[in-house]
Structures are given as C-alpha cells and as structure tokens.
C-alpha cells in the first residue's frame, strides 16, 4: 500500500473534529431555544427571584 493511500485512509478514520461540530450544533440549538422562548424564560426567572426575595424577607 502506498504512503499516500495510507495517509488518506488515516485521514478518513480520524474523528477528532467530530466533537467540535457536535458542540457547535448543541450551542446553536440552545441559542435557538432561548430566542424562541425568551419571554417565557424571562417570566420564569423573574418569578423565581420574587419567590426567593419573599422567602428571604421572612427569614430577616
């Protein structure tokens, strides 16, 4: 087997770049979800902070 063919087959078997592509796709999906549900997420976070503040006022 020639050196060039071995190098080409080795290149095809190399999968180290797959992790980067997967991470980028996950980030894109998360950003899309945040954009789509921005209002609901904001409302949820505000309600959680209000609940924390009310509970903290009861302690002090």
N, C-alpha and C. Protein backbone atom coordinates (compact mmCIF):
# COMPACT_ATOMS: atom_id res chain seq x y z
N UNK A 1 0.86 -1.17 0.00
CA UNK A 1 0.00 0.00 0.00
C UNK A 1 0.90 1.24 0.00
N UNK A 2 0.57 2.17 -0.82
CA UNK A 2 1.42 3.35 -0.93
C UNK A 2 1.25 4.24 0.29
N UNK A 3 2.23 5.08 0.49
CA UNK A 3 2.22 6.01 1.62
C UNK A 3 1.05 6.97 1.51
N UNK A 4 0.77 7.44 0.30
CA UNK A 4 -0.33 8.38 0.09
C UNK A 4 -1.67 7.74 0.43
N UNK A 5 -1.84 6.47 0.03
CA UNK A 5 -3.10 5.78 0.32
C UNK A 5 -3.25 5.56 1.83
N UNK A 6 -2.16 5.21 2.51
CA UNK A 6 -2.21 5.04 3.97
C UNK A 6 -2.58 6.36 4.65
N UNK A 7 -1.99 7.44 4.17
CA UNK A 7 -2.28 8.75 4.76
C UNK A 7 -3.74 9.12 4.53
N UNK A 8 -4.27 8.84 3.34
CA UNK A 8 -5.67 9.15 3.03
C UNK A 8 -6.61 8.33 3.91
N UNK A 9 -6.35 7.04 4.07
CA UNK A 9 -7.19 6.20 4.91
C UNK A 9 -7.12 6.64 6.37
N UNK A 10 -5.94 7.02 6.81
CA UNK A 10 -5.81 7.53 8.17
C UNK A 10 -6.60 8.81 8.37
N UNK A 11 -6.59 9.67 7.35
CA UNK A 11 -7.37 10.91 7.43
C UNK A 11 -8.86 10.62 7.51
N UNK A 12 -9.32 9.65 6.74
CA UNK A 12 -10.75 9.31 6.75
C UNK A 12 -11.19 8.71 8.09
N UNK A 13 -10.29 8.01 8.76
CA UNK A 13 -10.63 7.38 10.03
C UNK A 13 -10.54 8.34 11.21
N UNK A 14 -9.86 9.45 11.03
CA UNK A 14 -9.68 10.43 12.10
C UNK A 14 -11.02 11.09 12.43
N UNK A 15 -11.39 11.09 13.72
CA UNK A 15 -12.68 11.64 14.14
C UNK A 15 -12.54 12.73 15.19
N UNK A 16 -11.38 13.30 15.37
CA UNK A 16 -11.20 14.29 16.42
C UNK A 16 -12.00 15.56 16.17
N UNK A 17 -12.28 15.89 14.92
CA UNK A 17 -13.06 17.08 14.60
C UNK A 17 -14.53 16.93 14.88
N UNK A 18 -15.00 15.72 15.05
CA UNK A 18 -16.43 15.49 15.28
C UNK A 18 -16.91 16.15 16.56
N UNK A 19 -16.10 16.19 17.58
CA UNK A 19 -16.52 16.80 18.83
C UNK A 19 -16.79 18.28 18.68
N UNK A 20 -16.00 18.97 17.92
CA UNK A 20 -16.19 20.41 17.71
C UNK A 20 -17.50 20.67 16.99
N UNK A 21 -17.79 19.89 15.95
CA UNK A 21 -19.03 20.07 15.20
C UNK A 21 -20.23 19.81 16.09
N UNK A 22 -20.16 18.78 16.90
CA UNK A 22 -21.28 18.47 17.79
C UNK A 22 -21.50 19.58 18.81
N UNK A 23 -20.43 20.12 19.37
CA UNK A 23 -20.56 21.19 20.35
C UNK A 23 -21.17 22.43 19.70
N UNK A 24 -20.74 22.76 18.48
CA UNK A 24 -21.29 23.92 17.78
C UNK A 24 -22.78 23.72 17.51
N UNK A 25 -23.18 22.52 17.11
CA UNK A 25 -24.60 22.26 16.86
C UNK A 25 -25.42 22.37 18.14
N UNK A 26 -24.90 21.88 19.24
CA UNK A 26 -25.61 21.99 20.52
C UNK A 26 -25.77 23.45 20.91
N UNK A 27 -24.72 24.25 20.74
CA UNK A 27 -24.80 25.68 21.08
C UNK A 27 -25.83 26.38 20.20
N UNK A 28 -25.86 26.06 18.91
CA UNK A 28 -26.83 26.67 18.00
C UNK A 28 -28.26 26.32 18.42
N UNK A 29 -28.49 25.07 18.78
CA UNK A 29 -29.83 24.66 19.22
C UNK A 29 -30.22 25.37 20.51
N UNK A 30 -29.30 25.47 21.46
CA UNK A 30 -29.61 26.17 22.72
C UNK A 30 -29.92 27.64 22.48
N UNK A 31 -29.17 28.29 21.62
CA UNK A 31 -29.44 29.70 21.30
C UNK A 31 -30.81 29.84 20.65
N UNK A 32 -31.15 28.94 19.75
CA UNK A 32 -32.46 28.99 19.10
C UNK A 32 -33.58 28.80 20.12
N UNK A 33 -33.41 27.90 21.06
CA UNK A 33 -34.43 27.68 22.09
C UNK A 33 -34.59 28.92 22.95
N UNK A 34 -33.48 29.56 23.32
CA UNK A 34 -33.55 30.77 24.13
C UNK A 34 -34.27 31.89 23.36
N UNK A 35 -33.98 32.02 22.07
CA UNK A 35 -34.64 33.06 21.28
C UNK A 35 -36.13 32.79 21.16
N UNK A 36 -36.50 31.54 20.94
CA UNK A 36 -37.92 31.19 20.77
C UNK A 36 -38.69 31.39 22.07
N UNK A 37 -38.10 30.97 23.20
CA UNK A 37 -38.82 31.01 24.48
C UNK A 37 -38.32 32.13 25.39
N UNK A 38 -37.83 33.21 24.81
CA UNK A 38 -37.25 34.30 25.60
C UNK A 38 -38.23 34.87 26.63
N UNK A 39 -39.45 35.14 26.21
CA UNK A 39 -40.43 35.73 27.12
C UNK A 39 -40.78 34.79 28.27
N UNK A 40 -40.98 33.51 27.95
CA UNK A 40 -41.32 32.55 28.99
C UNK A 40 -40.17 32.35 29.97
N UNK A 41 -38.94 32.33 29.47
CA UNK A 41 -37.78 32.17 30.34
C UNK A 41 -37.64 33.38 31.25
N UNK A 42 -37.84 34.58 30.70
CA UNK A 42 -37.74 35.80 31.50
C UNK A 42 -38.80 35.80 32.60
N UNK A 43 -40.01 35.42 32.26
CA UNK A 43 -41.09 35.36 33.26
C UNK A 43 -40.75 34.35 34.35
N UNK A 44 -40.27 33.19 33.97
CA UNK A 44 -39.92 32.16 34.94
C UNK A 44 -38.83 32.63 35.89
N UNK A 45 -37.76 33.24 35.33
CA UNK A 45 -36.66 33.71 36.17
C UNK A 45 -37.14 34.81 37.12
N UNK A 46 -37.96 35.73 36.62
CA UNK A 46 -38.50 36.80 37.48
C UNK A 46 -39.34 36.23 38.61
N UNK A 47 -40.17 35.23 38.32
CA UNK A 47 -40.98 34.61 39.36
C UNK A 47 -40.11 33.90 40.40
N UNK A 48 -39.06 33.25 39.95
CA UNK A 48 -38.15 32.58 40.89
C UNK A 48 -37.48 33.60 41.80
N UNK A 49 -37.00 34.73 41.23
CA UNK A 49 -36.35 35.75 42.06
C UNK A 49 -37.33 36.37 43.05
N UNK A 50 -38.57 36.59 42.62
CA UNK A 50 -39.58 37.13 43.54
C UNK A 50 -39.81 36.17 44.70
N UNK A 51 -39.89 34.89 44.39
CA UNK A 51 -40.09 33.88 45.44
C UNK A 51 -38.90 33.84 46.39
N UNK A 52 -37.70 33.93 45.86
CA UNK A 52 -36.51 33.94 46.72
C UNK A 52 -36.50 35.17 47.61
N UNK A 53 -36.82 36.33 47.05
CA UNK A 53 -36.83 37.56 47.84
C UNK A 53 -37.90 37.52 48.93
N UNK A 54 -39.08 36.99 48.61
CA UNK A 54 -40.13 36.90 49.62
C UNK A 54 -39.74 35.95 50.73
N UNK A 55 -39.11 34.85 50.40
CA UNK A 55 -38.66 33.90 51.41
C UNK A 55 -37.54 34.49 52.26
N UNK A 56 -36.67 35.26 51.64
CA UNK A 56 -35.58 35.89 52.38
C UNK A 56 -36.12 36.95 53.35
N UNK A 57 -37.15 37.67 52.95
CA UNK A 57 -37.74 38.69 53.84
C UNK A 57 -38.38 38.03 55.06
N UNK A 58 -38.92 36.83 54.91
CA UNK A 58 -39.50 36.11 56.05
C UNK A 58 -38.43 35.72 57.05
N UNK A 59 -37.24 35.40 56.57
CA UNK A 59 -36.16 34.99 57.47
C UNK A 59 -35.63 36.18 58.24
N UNK A 60 -35.45 37.31 57.57
CA UNK A 60 -34.89 38.50 58.24
C UNK A 60 -36.00 39.26 58.82
